[in-house]
Every structure is written in structure tokens, then in C-alpha cells.
Amino acid sequence: NKDKYFLLKVYKKDNKYLLVKNRNFNFLKNFNIFPMQELTKPKNFNQNLNFKMSNMNMNIKIEYNNIIKSSPLSYWIDPKKLRNYTLPSFTKKIVNYLENQK
């Protein structure tokens, strides 16, 4: 298993979260996920979450952002209506984590 590090950016407006269509990573390709970027060998990485996916350990650090960049491949989801969306379990777990951190 490879250890990989990601910075997950959370944009929140009116109790809704911004999701984007994944075109950057090979995993969950074309699915809706939170905006993320992969980090290479970060120093002092304080992870919030850890996921095991097929051949990698995903170490995720969550960063909250106020500035909202809209893009054509993004949309807002309401965490209270999570069942109404077709989302990967990866994204649902992150939404549940964020909602439990309030």
C-alpha cells in the first residue's frame, strides 16, 4: 500500500458544501468529490481523516475556505438531503465527518 497525502478544501455556503467532478485523480474518476489536491511528502502533516482505497492509504487534511470559486463542473449539496444525491461513499463519509465536527 502506498501512502498518499491530500489537502481537501471545504467550501461552505448556506449550510451547503461545494462538490466538483473529479478529473484530476485516477480514483473515483468522473465522480463528484470535494476539491482536493495531492501533496508530495508534506512536513508536519496533521491528518483529519484516513481512508484505505484499493492500493493506497489516503491521509487527508481538511482546510476550510471562505472564498468561493465557482466552476462549470461544480455544484452545491445539502448534507441534510444526502440520500437525494448519487455520490460515492468516499464523499458521503467526508460529509458525515464534517457534519459531526460542528
PDB file of N, CA and C in Angstrom:
ATOM      1  N   ASN A   1       0.836  -1.200   0.000  1.00  0.00           N
ATOM      2  CA  ASN A   1       0.000   0.000   0.000  1.00  0.00           C
ATOM      3  C   ASN A   1       0.873   1.252   0.000  1.00  0.00           C
ATOM      4  N   LYS A   2       0.501   2.189  -0.831  1.00  0.00           N
ATOM      5  CA  LYS A   2       1.212   3.458  -0.886  1.00  0.00           C
ATOM      6  C   LYS A   2       0.518   4.464   0.018  1.00  0.00           C
ATOM      7  N   ASP A   3       1.308   5.252   0.708  1.00  0.00           N
ATOM      8  CA  ASP A   3       0.759   6.358   1.492  1.00  0.00           C
ATOM      9  C   ASP A   3       0.701   7.582   0.604  1.00  0.00           C
ATOM     10  N   LYS A   4      -0.477   8.168   0.515  1.00  0.00           N
ATOM     11  CA  LYS A   4      -0.634   9.399  -0.267  1.00  0.00           C
ATOM     12  C   LYS A   4      -1.279  10.438   0.626  1.00  0.00           C
ATOM     13  N   TYR A   5      -0.936  11.693   0.364  1.00  0.00           N
ATOM     14  CA  TYR A   5      -1.405  12.800   1.191  1.00  0.00           C
ATOM     15  C   TYR A   5      -2.213  13.775   0.346  1.00  0.00           C
ATOM     16  N   PHE A   6      -3.357  14.180   0.901  1.00  0.00           N
ATOM     17  CA  PHE A   6      -4.245  15.065   0.164  1.00  0.00           C
ATOM     18  C   PHE A   6      -4.711  16.210   1.051  1.00  0.00           C
ATOM     19  N   LEU A   7      -4.865  17.356   0.426  1.00  0.00           N
ATOM     20  CA  LEU A   7      -5.456  18.514   1.076  1.00  0.00           C
ATOM     21  C   LEU A   7      -6.859  18.653   0.497  1.00  0.00           C
ATOM     22  N   LEU A   8      -7.851  18.499   1.346  1.00  0.00           N
ATOM     23  CA  LEU A   8      -9.241  18.568   0.923  1.00  0.00           C
ATOM     24  C   LEU A   8      -9.762  19.950   1.280  1.00  0.00           C
ATOM     25  N   LYS A   9     -10.288  20.645   0.302  1.00  0.00           N
ATOM     26  CA  LYS A   9     -10.767  22.013   0.522  1.00  0.00           C
ATOM     27  C   LYS A   9     -12.277  22.007   0.659  1.00  0.00           C
ATOM     28  N   VAL A  10     -12.739  22.560   1.762  1.00  0.00           N
ATOM     29  CA  VAL A  10     -14.178  22.591   2.039  1.00  0.00           C
ATOM     30  C   VAL A  10     -14.674  24.021   1.851  1.00  0.00           C
ATOM     31  N   TYR A  11     -15.623  24.162   0.938  1.00  0.00           N
ATOM     32  CA  TYR A  11     -16.293  25.439   0.725  1.00  0.00           C
ATOM     33  C   TYR A  11     -17.726  25.262   1.181  1.00  0.00           C
ATOM     34  N   LYS A  12     -18.158  26.152   2.071  1.00  0.00           N
ATOM     35  CA  LYS A  12     -19.498  26.017   2.625  1.00  0.00           C
ATOM     36  C   LYS A  12     -20.227  27.339   2.490  1.00  0.00           C
ATOM     37  N   LYS A  13     -21.490  27.241   2.026  1.00  0.00           N
ATOM     38  CA  LYS A  13     -22.319  28.432   1.882  1.00  0.00           C
ATOM     39  C   LYS A  13     -23.751  28.026   2.186  1.00  0.00           C
ATOM     40  N   ASP A  14     -24.389  28.733   3.091  1.00  0.00           N
ATOM     41  CA  ASP A  14     -25.780  28.439   3.475  1.00  0.00           C
ATOM     42  C   ASP A  14     -25.965  26.974   3.864  1.00  0.00           C
ATOM     43  N   ASN A  15     -25.052  26.448   4.644  1.00  0.00           N
ATOM     44  CA  ASN A  15     -25.078  25.061   5.102  1.00  0.00           C
ATOM     45  C   ASN A  15     -25.023  24.050   3.964  1.00  0.00           C
ATOM     46  N   LYS A  16     -24.452  24.430   2.841  1.00  0.00           N
ATOM     47  CA  LYS A  16     -24.265  23.509   1.721  1.00  0.00           C
ATOM     48  C   LYS A  16     -22.783  23.420   1.404  1.00  0.00           C
ATOM     49  N   TYR A  17     -22.392  22.268   0.866  1.00  0.00           N
ATOM     50  CA  TYR A  17     -20.989  22.044   0.526  1.00  0.00           C
ATOM     51  C   TYR A  17     -20.794  22.021  -0.985  1.00  0.00           C
ATOM     52  N   LEU A  18     -19.655  22.516  -1.404  1.00  0.00           N
ATOM     53  CA  LEU A  18     -19.326  22.530  -2.823  1.00  0.00           C
ATOM     54  C   LEU A  18     -18.634  21.230  -3.217  1.00  0.00           C
ATOM     55  N   LEU A  19     -19.134  20.600  -4.270  1.00  0.00           N
ATOM     56  CA  LEU A  19     -18.500  19.409  -4.834  1.00  0.00           C
ATOM     57  C   LEU A  19     -18.103  19.698  -6.269  1.00  0.00           C
ATOM     58  N   VAL A  20     -17.083  18.987  -6.733  1.00  0.00           N
ATOM     59  CA  VAL A  20     -16.634  19.130  -8.115  1.00  0.00           C
ATOM     60  C   VAL A  20     -16.565  17.756  -8.756  1.00  0.00           C
ATOM     61  N   LYS A  21     -16.637  17.728 -10.066  1.00  0.00           N
ATOM     62  CA  LYS A  21     -16.480  16.466 -10.789  1.00  0.00           C
ATOM     63  C   LYS A  21     -14.985  16.158 -10.845  1.00  0.00           C
ATOM     64  N   ASN A  22     -14.623  14.974 -10.409  1.00  0.00           N
ATOM     65  CA  ASN A  22     -13.215  14.586 -10.329  1.00  0.00           C
ATOM     66  C   ASN A  22     -12.639  14.313 -11.716  1.00  0.00           C
ATOM     67  N   ARG A  23     -11.695  15.126 -12.095  1.00  0.00           N
ATOM     68  CA  ARG A  23     -10.972  14.907 -13.349  1.00  0.00           C
ATOM     69  C   ARG A  23      -9.469  14.862 -13.107  1.00  0.00           C
ATOM     70  N   ASN A  24      -9.063  15.031 -11.847  1.00  0.00           N
ATOM     71  CA  ASN A  24      -7.633  15.101 -11.529  1.00  0.00           C
ATOM     72  C   ASN A  24      -7.019  13.765 -11.135  1.00  0.00           C
ATOM     73  N   PHE A  25      -7.799  12.912 -10.504  1.00  0.00           N
ATOM     74  CA  PHE A  25      -7.254  11.687  -9.930  1.00  0.00           C
ATOM     75  C   PHE A  25      -7.793  10.461 -10.647  1.00  0.00           C
ATOM     76  N   ASN A  26      -7.022   9.399 -10.633  1.00  0.00           N
ATOM     77  CA  ASN A  26      -7.446   8.161 -11.280  1.00  0.00           C
ATOM     78  C   ASN A  26      -8.529   7.441 -10.486  1.00  0.00           C
ATOM     79  N   PHE A  27      -8.549   7.630  -9.183  1.00  0.00           N
ATOM     80  CA  PHE A  27      -9.594   7.003  -8.374  1.00  0.00           C
ATOM     81  C   PHE A  27     -10.843   7.885  -8.424  1.00  0.00           C
ATOM     82  N   LEU A  28     -11.997   7.263  -8.401  1.00  0.00           N
ATOM     83  CA  LEU A  28     -13.287   7.961  -8.444  1.00  0.00           C
ATOM     84  C   LEU A  28     -13.387   8.927  -9.627  1.00  0.00           C
ATOM     85  N   LYS A  29     -12.851   8.522 -10.733  1.00  0.00           N
ATOM     86  CA  LYS A  29     -12.844   9.352 -11.946  1.00  0.00           C
ATOM     87  C   LYS A  29     -14.275   9.692 -12.362  1.00  0.00           C
ATOM     88  N   ASN A  30     -14.513  10.955 -12.641  1.00  0.00           N
ATOM     89  CA  ASN A  30     -15.809  11.494 -13.069  1.00  0.00           C
ATOM     90  C   ASN A  30     -16.900  11.425 -11.999  1.00  0.00           C
ATOM     91  N   PHE A  31     -16.528  11.141 -10.775  1.00  0.00           N
ATOM     92  CA  PHE A  31     -17.491  11.191  -9.674  1.00  0.00           C
ATOM     93  C   PHE A  31     -17.401  12.552  -9.006  1.00  0.00           C
ATOM     94  N   ASN A  32     -18.415  12.869  -8.211  1.00  0.00           N
ATOM     95  CA  ASN A  32     -18.425  14.147  -7.503  1.00  0.00           C
ATOM     96  C   ASN A  32     -17.742  13.990  -6.155  1.00  0.00           C
ATOM     97  N   ILE A  33     -16.728  14.805  -5.954  1.00  0.00           N
ATOM     98  CA  ILE A  33     -15.963  14.774  -4.708  1.00  0.00           C
ATOM     99  C   ILE A  33     -15.684  16.211  -4.266  1.00  0.00           C
ATOM    100  N   PHE A  34     -15.121  16.356  -3.096  1.00  0.00           N
ATOM    101  CA  PHE A  34     -14.696  17.673  -2.645  1.00  0.00           C
ATOM    102  C   PHE A  34     -13.447  18.079  -3.424  1.00  0.00           C
ATOM    103  N   PRO A  35     -13.235  19.382  -3.619  1.00  0.00           N
ATOM    104  CA  PRO A  35     -11.996  19.808  -4.283  1.00  0.00           C
ATOM    105  C   PRO A  35     -10.791  19.352  -3.462  1.00  0.00           C
ATOM    106  N   MET A  36      -9.852  18.720  -4.130  1.00  0.00           N
ATOM    107  CA  MET A  36      -8.678  18.173  -3.430  1.00  0.00           C
ATOM    108  C   MET A  36      -7.429  18.409  -4.252  1.00  0.00           C
ATOM    109  N   GLN A  37      -6.308  18.374  -3.545  1.00  0.00           N
ATOM    110  CA  GLN A  37      -5.033  18.373  -4.242  1.00  0.00           C
ATOM    111  C   GLN A  37      -4.100  17.413  -3.532  1.00  0.00           C
ATOM    112  N   GLU A  38      -3.298  16.738  -4.318  1.00  0.00           N
ATOM    113  CA  GLU A  38      -2.352  15.790  -3.759  1.00  0.00           C
ATOM    114  C   GLU A  38      -1.087  16.525  -3.337  1.00  0.00           C
ATOM    115  N   LEU A  39      -0.566  16.152  -2.177  1.00  0.00           N
ATOM    116  CA  LEU A  39       0.657  16.752  -1.666  1.00  0.00           C
ATOM    117  C   LEU A  39       1.773  15.718  -1.722  1.00  0.00           C
ATOM    118  N   THR A  40       2.962  16.160  -2.077  1.00  0.00           N
ATOM    119  CA  THR A  40       4.090  15.231  -2.122  1.00  0.00           C
ATOM    120  C   THR A  40       4.968  15.435  -0.892  1.00  0.00           C
ATOM    121  N   LYS A  41       5.075  14.409  -0.111  1.00  0.00           N
ATOM    122  CA  LYS A  41       5.888  14.382   1.107  1.00  0.00           C
ATOM    123  C   LYS A  41       5.775  15.663   1.950  1.00  0.00           C
ATOM    124  N   PRO A  42       4.572  15.919   2.488  1.00  0.00           N
ATOM    125  CA  PRO A  42       4.401  17.131   3.294  1.00  0.00           C
ATOM    126  C   PRO A  42       5.092  17.006   4.651  1.00  0.00           C
ATOM    127  N   LYS A  43       5.524  18.135   5.170  1.00  0.00           N
ATOM    128  CA  LYS A  43       6.112  18.167   6.516  1.00  0.00           C
ATOM    129  C   LYS A  43       5.017  18.566   7.498  1.00  0.00           C
ATOM    130  N   ASN A  44       5.082  18.012   8.687  1.00  0.00           N
ATOM    131  CA  ASN A  44       4.109  18.321   9.744  1.00  0.00           C
ATOM    132  C   ASN A  44       2.670  18.173   9.258  1.00  0.00           C
ATOM    133  N   PHE A  45       2.393  17.037   8.688  1.00  0.00           N
ATOM    134  CA  PHE A  45       1.057  16.792   8.145  1.00  0.00           C
ATOM    135  C   PHE A  45       0.163  16.268   9.257  1.00  0.00           C
ATOM    136  N   ASN A  46      -0.802  17.074   9.665  1.00  0.00           N
ATOM    137  CA  ASN A  46      -1.766  16.664  10.695  1.00  0.00           C
ATOM    138  C   ASN A  46      -3.041  16.241  10.002  1.00  0.00           C
ATOM    139  N   GLN A  47      -3.206  14.953   9.854  1.00  0.00           N
ATOM    140  CA  GLN A  47      -4.367  14.459   9.110  1.00  0.00           C
ATOM    141  C   GLN A  47      -5.619  14.480   9.954  1.00  0.00           C
ATOM    142  N   ASN A  48      -6.739  14.697   9.275  1.00  0.00           N
ATOM    143  CA  ASN A  48      -8.042  14.639   9.905  1.00  0.00           C
ATOM    144  C   ASN A  48      -8.692  13.286   9.650  1.00  0.00           C
ATOM    145  N   LEU A  49      -8.458  12.758   8.453  1.00  0.00           N
ATOM    146  CA  LEU A  49      -9.093  11.503   8.051  1.00  0.00           C
ATOM    147  C   LEU A  49      -8.084  10.581   7.394  1.00  0.00           C
ATOM    148  N   ASN A  50      -8.427   9.291   7.425  1.00  0.00           N
ATOM    149  CA  ASN A  50      -7.609   8.305   6.744  1.00  0.00           C
ATOM    150  C   ASN A  50      -8.547   7.308   6.077  1.00  0.00           C
ATOM    151  N   PHE A  51      -8.346   7.106   4.786  1.00  0.00           N
ATOM    152  CA  PHE A  51      -9.137   6.133   4.030  1.00  0.00           C
ATOM    153  C   PHE A  51      -8.206   5.131   3.395  1.00  0.00           C
ATOM    154  N   LYS A  52      -8.657   3.908   3.324  1.00  0.00           N
ATOM    155  CA  LYS A  52      -7.919   2.884   2.597  1.00  0.00           C
ATOM    156  C   LYS A  52      -8.702   2.591   1.330  1.00  0.00           C
ATOM    157  N   MET A  53      -8.062   2.835   0.210  1.00  0.00           N
ATOM    158  CA  MET A  53      -8.685   2.575  -1.091  1.00  0.00           C
ATOM    159  C   MET A  53      -7.763   1.690  -1.897  1.00  0.00           C
ATOM    160  N   SER A  54      -8.258   0.585  -2.336  1.00  0.00           N
ATOM    161  CA  SER A  54      -7.536  -0.421  -3.123  1.00  0.00           C
ATOM    162  C   SER A  54      -6.056  -0.525  -2.752  1.00  0.00           C
ATOM    163  N   ASN A  55      -5.194   0.209  -3.395  1.00  0.00           N
ATOM    164  CA  ASN A  55      -3.755   0.046  -3.148  1.00  0.00           C
ATOM    165  C   ASN A  55      -3.125   1.253  -2.467  1.00  0.00           C
ATOM    166  N   MET A  56      -3.916   2.113  -1.816  1.00  0.00           N
ATOM    167  CA  MET A  56      -3.311   3.267  -1.163  1.00  0.00           C
ATOM    168  C   MET A  56      -3.987   3.618   0.144  1.00  0.00           C
ATOM    169  N   ASN A  57      -3.209   4.230   1.005  1.00  0.00           N
ATOM    170  CA  ASN A  57      -3.711   4.817   2.238  1.00  0.00           C
ATOM    171  C   ASN A  57      -3.827   6.309   1.990  1.00  0.00           C
ATOM    172  N   MET A  58      -5.033   6.806   2.046  1.00  0.00           N
ATOM    173  CA  MET A  58      -5.248   8.229   1.814  1.00  0.00           C
ATOM    174  C   MET A  58      -5.245   8.951   3.149  1.00  0.00           C
ATOM    175  N   ASN A  59      -4.280   9.823   3.322  1.00  0.00           N
ATOM    176  CA  ASN A  59      -4.214  10.674   4.502  1.00  0.00           C
ATOM    177  C   ASN A  59      -4.737  12.040   4.078  1.00  0.00           C
ATOM    178  N   ILE A  60      -5.791  12.478   4.735  1.00  0.00           N
ATOM    179  CA  ILE A  60      -6.483  13.686   4.292  1.00  0.00           C
ATOM    180  C   ILE A  60      -6.467  14.748   5.378  1.00  0.00           C
ATOM    181  N   LYS A  61      -6.059  15.928   4.969  1.00  0.00           N
ATOM    182  CA  LYS A  61      -6.116  17.098   5.849  1.00  0.00           C
ATOM    183  C   LYS A  61      -7.205  18.006   5.311  1.00  0.00           C
ATOM    184  N   ILE A  62      -8.062  18.486   6.201  1.00  0.00           N
ATOM    185  CA  ILE A  62      -9.192  19.311   5.784  1.00  0.00           C
ATOM    186  C   ILE A  62      -8.864  20.777   6.006  1.00  0.00           C
ATOM    187  N   GLU A  63      -9.119  21.557   4.968  1.00  0.00           N
ATOM    188  CA  GLU A  63      -8.895  23.006   5.029  1.00  0.00           C
ATOM    189  C   GLU A  63     -10.214  23.694   4.699  1.00  0.00           C
ATOM    190  N   TYR A  64     -10.649  24.565   5.602  1.00  0.00           N
ATOM    191  CA  TYR A  64     -11.902  25.290   5.386  1.00  0.00           C
ATOM    192  C   TYR A  64     -11.593  26.603   4.673  1.00  0.00           C
ATOM    193  N   ASN A  65     -12.386  26.904   3.646  1.00  0.00           N
ATOM    194  CA  ASN A  65     -12.178  28.112   2.857  1.00  0.00           C
ATOM    195  C   ASN A  65     -13.458  28.919   2.778  1.00  0.00           C
ATOM    196  N   ASN A  66     -13.308  30.236   2.761  1.00  0.00           N
ATOM    197  CA  ASN A  66     -14.464  31.121   2.632  1.00  0.00           C
ATOM    198  C   ASN A  66     -14.647  31.614   1.214  1.00  0.00           C
ATOM    199  N   ILE A  67     -13.555  31.765   0.515  1.00  0.00           N
ATOM    200  CA  ILE A  67     -13.616  32.277  -0.850  1.00  0.00           C
ATOM    201  C   ILE A  67     -14.183  31.185  -1.751  1.00  0.00           C
ATOM    202  N   ILE A  68     -15.164  31.538  -2.517  1.00  0.00           N
ATOM    203  CA  ILE A  68     -15.850  30.548  -3.343  1.00  0.00           C
ATOM    204  C   ILE A  68     -15.506  30.776  -4.809  1.00  0.00           C
ATOM    205  N   LYS A  69     -14.933  29.758  -5.403  1.00  0.00           N
ATOM    206  CA  LYS A  69     -14.652  29.806  -6.835  1.00  0.00           C
ATOM    207  C   LYS A  69     -15.654  28.877  -7.503  1.00  0.00           C
ATOM    208  N   SER A  70     -16.512  29.424  -8.297  1.00  0.00           N
ATOM    209  CA  SER A  70     -17.465  28.544  -8.972  1.00  0.00           C
ATOM    210  C   SER A  70     -16.875  28.098 -10.302  1.00  0.00           C
ATOM    211  N   SER A  71     -17.206  26.900 -10.661  1.00  0.00           N
ATOM    212  CA  SER A  71     -16.736  26.367 -11.933  1.00  0.00           C
ATOM    213  C   SER A  71     -17.905  25.640 -12.584  1.00  0.00           C
ATOM    214  N   PRO A  72     -17.837  25.428 -13.874  1.00  0.00           N
ATOM    215  CA  PRO A  72     -18.971  24.775 -14.544  1.00  0.00           C
ATOM    216  C   PRO A  72     -19.173  23.321 -14.106  1.00  0.00           C
ATOM    217  N   LEU A  73     -18.145  22.699 -13.554  1.00  0.00           N
ATOM    218  CA  LEU A  73     -18.249  21.301 -13.136  1.00  0.00           C
ATOM    219  C   LEU A  73     -18.471  21.166 -11.633  1.00  0.00           C
ATOM    220  N   SER A  74     -19.037  22.171 -11.025  1.00  0.00           N
ATOM    221  CA  SER A  74     -19.253  22.115  -9.581  1.00  0.00           C
ATOM    222  C   SER A  74     -20.724  22.379  -9.259  1.00  0.00           C
ATOM    223  N   TYR A  75     -21.125  21.909  -8.080  1.00  0.00           N
ATOM    224  CA  TYR A  75     -22.470  22.216  -7.600  1.00  0.00           C
ATOM    225  C   TYR A  75     -22.518  22.058  -6.089  1.00  0.00           C
ATOM    226  N   TRP A  76     -23.580  22.569  -5.483  1.00  0.00           N
ATOM    227  CA  TRP A  76     -23.736  22.580  -4.031  1.00  0.00           C
ATOM    228  C   TRP A  76     -24.665  21.448  -3.600  1.00  0.00           C
ATOM    229  N   ILE A  77     -24.309  20.796  -2.496  1.00  0.00           N
ATOM    230  CA  ILE A  77     -25.183  19.758  -1.946  1.00  0.00           C
ATOM    231  C   ILE A  77     -25.582  20.123  -0.522  1.00  0.00           C
ATOM    232  N   ASP A  78     -26.764  19.731  -0.173  1.00  0.00           N
ATOM    233  CA  ASP A  78     -27.285  19.941   1.171  1.00  0.00           C
ATOM    234  C   ASP A  78     -27.048  18.646   1.964  1.00  0.00           C
ATOM    235  N   PRO A  79     -26.270  18.702   3.050  1.00  0.00           N
ATOM    236  CA  PRO A  79     -25.980  17.479   3.811  1.00  0.00           C
ATOM    237  C   PRO A  79     -27.214  16.822   4.422  1.00  0.00           C
ATOM    238  N   LYS A  80     -28.271  17.590   4.618  1.00  0.00           N
ATOM    239  CA  LYS A  80     -29.499  17.013   5.177  1.00  0.00           C
ATOM    240  C   LYS A  80     -30.265  16.194   4.129  1.00  0.00           C
ATOM    241  N   LYS A  81     -29.926  16.396   2.855  1.00  0.00           N
ATOM    242  CA  LYS A  81     -30.598  15.677   1.769  1.00  0.00           C
ATOM    243  C   LYS A  81     -29.611  14.767   1.035  1.00  0.00           C
ATOM    244  N   LEU A  82     -28.692  14.208   1.776  1.00  0.00           N
ATOM    245  CA  LEU A  82     -27.617  13.395   1.201  1.00  0.00           C
ATOM    246  C   LEU A  82     -28.140  12.211   0.390  1.00  0.00           C
ATOM    247  N   ARG A  83     -29.270  11.664   0.801  1.00  0.00           N
ATOM    248  CA  ARG A  83     -29.835  10.498   0.099  1.00  0.00           C
ATOM    249  C   ARG A  83     -30.348  10.839  -1.297  1.00  0.00           C
ATOM    250  N   ASN A  84     -30.578  12.112  -1.545  1.00  0.00           N
ATOM    251  CA  ASN A  84     -31.102  12.527  -2.849  1.00  0.00           C
ATOM    252  C   ASN A  84     -30.026  12.609  -3.926  1.00  0.00           C
ATOM    253  N   TYR A  85     -28.775  12.479  -3.530  1.00  0.00           N
ATOM    254  CA  TYR A  85     -27.672  12.608  -4.475  1.00  0.00           C
ATOM    255  C   TYR A  85     -27.030  11.254  -4.753  1.00  0.00           C
ATOM    256  N   THR A  86     -26.550  11.086  -5.963  1.00  0.00           N
ATOM    257  CA  THR A  86     -25.777   9.897  -6.292  1.00  0.00           C
ATOM    258  C   THR A  86     -24.311  10.253  -6.078  1.00  0.00           C
ATOM    259  N   LEU A  87     -23.778   9.811  -4.944  1.00  0.00           N
ATOM    260  CA  LEU A  87     -22.406  10.168  -4.561  1.00  0.00           C
ATOM    261  C   LEU A  87     -21.645   8.916  -4.172  1.00  0.00           C
ATOM    262  N   PRO A  88     -20.332   8.936  -4.357  1.00  0.00           N
ATOM    263  CA  PRO A  88     -19.538   7.797  -3.874  1.00  0.00           C
ATOM    264  C   PRO A  88     -19.526   7.781  -2.340  1.00  0.00           C
ATOM    265  N   SER A  89     -19.357   6.622  -1.770  1.00  0.00           N
ATOM    266  CA  SER A  89     -19.340   6.512  -0.302  1.00  0.00           C
ATOM    267  C   SER A  89     -18.197   7.337   0.287  1.00  0.00           C
ATOM    268  N   PHE A  90     -17.121   7.500  -0.460  1.00  0.00           N
ATOM    269  CA  PHE A  90     -15.998   8.350  -0.042  1.00  0.00           C
ATOM    270  C   PHE A  90     -16.500   9.771   0.277  1.00  0.00           C
ATOM    271  N   THR A  91     -17.265  10.348  -0.631  1.00  0.00           N
ATOM    272  CA  THR A  91     -17.786  11.710  -0.441  1.00  0.00           C
ATOM    273  C   THR A  91     -18.781  11.752   0.709  1.00  0.00           C
ATOM    274  N   LYS A  92     -19.638  10.759   0.813  1.00  0.00           N
ATOM    275  CA  LYS A  92     -20.629  10.711   1.897  1.00  0.00           C
ATOM    276  C   LYS A  92     -19.951  10.635   3.263  1.00  0.00           C
ATOM    277  N   LYS A  93     -18.888   9.853   3.348  1.00  0.00           N
ATOM    278  CA  LYS A  93     -18.164   9.734   4.623  1.00  0.00           C
ATOM    279  C   LYS A  93     -17.554  11.067   5.027  1.00  0.00           C
ATOM    280  N   ILE A  94     -17.050  11.803   4.068  1.00  0.00           N
ATOM    281  CA  ILE A  94     -16.460  13.109   4.378  1.00  0.00           C
ATOM    282  C   ILE A  94     -17.544  14.087   4.819  1.00  0.00           C
ATOM    283  N   VAL A  95     -18.683  14.087   4.154  1.00  0.00           N
ATOM    284  CA  VAL A  95     -19.797  14.957   4.566  1.00  0.00           C
ATOM    285  C   VAL A  95     -20.217  14.608   5.993  1.00  0.00           C
ATOM    286  N   ASN A  96     -20.354  13.333   6.296  1.00  0.00           N
ATOM    287  CA  ASN A  96     -20.729  12.919   7.658  1.00  0.00           C
ATOM    288  C   ASN A  96     -19.690  13.349   8.677  1.00  0.00           C
ATOM    289  N   TYR A  97     -18.424  13.229   8.321  1.00  0.00           N
ATOM    290  CA  TYR A  97     -17.353  13.676   9.214  1.00  0.00           C
ATOM    291  C   TYR A  97     -17.478  15.178   9.482  1.00  0.00           C
ATOM    292  N   LEU A  98     -17.672  15.959   8.432  1.00  0.00           N
ATOM    293  CA  LEU A  98     -17.777  17.419   8.564  1.00  0.00           C
ATOM    294  C   LEU A  98     -18.981  17.810   9.409  1.00  0.00           C
ATOM    295  N   GLU A  99     -20.092  17.112   9.206  1.00  0.00           N
ATOM    296  CA  GLU A  99     -21.306  17.419   9.960  1.00  0.00           C
ATOM    297  C   GLU A  99     -21.143  17.057  11.443  1.00  0.00           C
ATOM    298  N   ASN A 100     -20.378  16.030  11.736  1.00  0.00           N
ATOM    299  CA  ASN A 100     -20.159  15.627  13.130  1.00  0.00           C
ATOM    300  C   ASN A 100     -19.138  16.500  13.842  1.00  0.00           C
ATOM    301  N   GLN A 101     -18.381  17.282  13.098  1.00  0.00           N
ATOM    302  CA  GLN A 101     -17.368  18.158  13.692  1.00  0.00           C
ATOM    303  C   GLN A 101     -17.912  19.512  14.137  1.00  0.00           C
ATOM    304  N   LYS A 102     -19.171  19.746  13.875  1.00  0.00           N
ATOM    305  CA  LYS A 102     -19.771  21.055  14.226  1.00  0.00           C
ATOM    306  C   LYS A 102     -19.780  21.263  15.717  1.00  0.00           C
TER     307      LYS A 102
END
